[in-house]
């Protein structure tokens, strides 16, 4: 978001998520492309299994 002076303003968020991209797939984001395709994401990590009670 641009302020009246032309500098960017950032609003802090406490509920931001983080994603990891495959190597080289950050280029489209650096060109300000608005989408992240599934092919840019690595396979999901296995969920931690819970021990039975």
C-alpha atoms as a PDB file:
ATOM      1  CA  UNK A   1       0.000   0.000   0.000  1.00  0.00           C
ATOM      2  CA  UNK A   2       1.341   3.441  -0.882  1.00  0.00           C
ATOM      3  CA  UNK A   3       1.085   6.375   1.480  1.00  0.00           C
ATOM      4  CA  UNK A   4       0.672   9.966   0.349  1.00  0.00           C
ATOM      5  CA  UNK A   5       4.453  10.438   0.358  1.00  0.00           C
ATOM      6  CA  UNK A   6       4.978   7.489  -1.981  1.00  0.00           C
ATOM      7  CA  UNK A   7       6.650   5.221   0.554  1.00  0.00           C
ATOM      8  CA  UNK A   8       5.282   1.767   1.232  1.00  0.00           C
ATOM      9  CA  UNK A   9       3.398   1.145   4.457  1.00  0.00           C
ATOM     10  CA  UNK A  10       3.262  -2.320   5.909  1.00  0.00           C
ATOM     11  CA  UNK A  11       0.706  -3.461   8.410  1.00  0.00           C
ATOM     12  CA  UNK A  12       1.911  -6.034  10.941  1.00  0.00           C
ATOM     13  CA  UNK A  13      -0.057  -9.253  11.041  1.00  0.00           C
ATOM     14  CA  UNK A  14       0.164 -11.813  13.778  1.00  0.00           C
ATOM     15  CA  UNK A  15      -1.433 -14.638  11.805  1.00  0.00           C
ATOM     16  CA  UNK A  16       0.891 -14.772   8.789  1.00  0.00           C
ATOM     17  CA  UNK A  17       1.753 -18.158   7.319  1.00  0.00           C
ATOM     18  CA  UNK A  18       5.080 -19.070   5.747  1.00  0.00           C
ATOM     19  CA  UNK A  19       5.538 -21.166   2.624  1.00  0.00           C
ATOM     20  CA  UNK A  20       8.658 -22.635   1.075  1.00  0.00           C
ATOM     21  CA  UNK A  21       9.169 -22.521  -2.683  1.00  0.00           C
ATOM     22  CA  UNK A  22      11.200 -24.792  -4.895  1.00  0.00           C
ATOM     23  CA  UNK A  23      14.549 -23.323  -5.989  1.00  0.00           C
ATOM     24  CA  UNK A  24      14.130 -20.813  -8.822  1.00  0.00           C
ATOM     25  CA  UNK A  25      10.362 -20.477  -8.341  1.00  0.00           C
ATOM     26  CA  UNK A  26      10.712 -17.170  -6.502  1.00  0.00           C
ATOM     27  CA  UNK A  27      11.407 -15.392  -9.801  1.00  0.00           C
ATOM     28  CA  UNK A  28       7.732 -14.887 -10.646  1.00  0.00           C
ATOM     29  CA  UNK A  29       7.110 -13.375  -7.204  1.00  0.00           C
ATOM     30  CA  UNK A  30      10.060 -11.033  -7.640  1.00  0.00           C
ATOM     31  CA  UNK A  31       8.414  -9.896 -10.903  1.00  0.00           C
ATOM     32  CA  UNK A  32       5.313  -9.218  -8.748  1.00  0.00           C
ATOM     33  CA  UNK A  33       3.182 -11.986 -10.252  1.00  0.00           C
ATOM     34  CA  UNK A  34       0.154 -12.341  -7.937  1.00  0.00           C
ATOM     35  CA  UNK A  35      -0.224 -16.136  -8.010  1.00  0.00           C
ATOM     36  CA  UNK A  36       1.768 -19.045  -6.615  1.00  0.00           C
ATOM     37  CA  UNK A  37       1.224 -22.215  -8.627  1.00  0.00           C
ATOM     38  CA  UNK A  38       1.222 -25.690  -7.089  1.00  0.00           C
ATOM     39  CA  UNK A  39       4.249 -26.608  -9.202  1.00  0.00           C
ATOM     40  CA  UNK A  40       6.254 -23.983  -7.277  1.00  0.00           C
ATOM     41  CA  UNK A  41       5.654 -25.768  -3.972  1.00  0.00           C
ATOM     42  CA  UNK A  42       7.673 -28.726  -2.748  1.00  0.00           C
ATOM     43  CA  UNK A  43       5.826 -31.884  -1.665  1.00  0.00           C
ATOM     44  CA  UNK A  44       4.204 -31.512   1.760  1.00  0.00           C
ATOM     45  CA  UNK A  45       6.015 -32.830   4.775  1.00  0.00           C
ATOM     46  CA  UNK A  46       4.458 -35.849   6.439  1.00  0.00           C
ATOM     47  CA  UNK A  47       2.285 -34.919   9.372  1.00  0.00           C
ATOM     48  CA  UNK A  48       3.572 -35.989  12.739  1.00  0.00           C
ATOM     49  CA  UNK A  49       1.690 -39.076  13.797  1.00  0.00           C
ATOM     50  CA  UNK A  50       0.260 -39.211  17.264  1.00  0.00           C
ATOM     51  CA  UNK A  51       0.820 -42.229  19.445  1.00  0.00           C
ATOM     52  CA  UNK A  52      -2.373 -44.125  20.263  1.00  0.00           C
ATOM     53  CA  UNK A  53      -3.700 -43.498  23.797  1.00  0.00           C
END
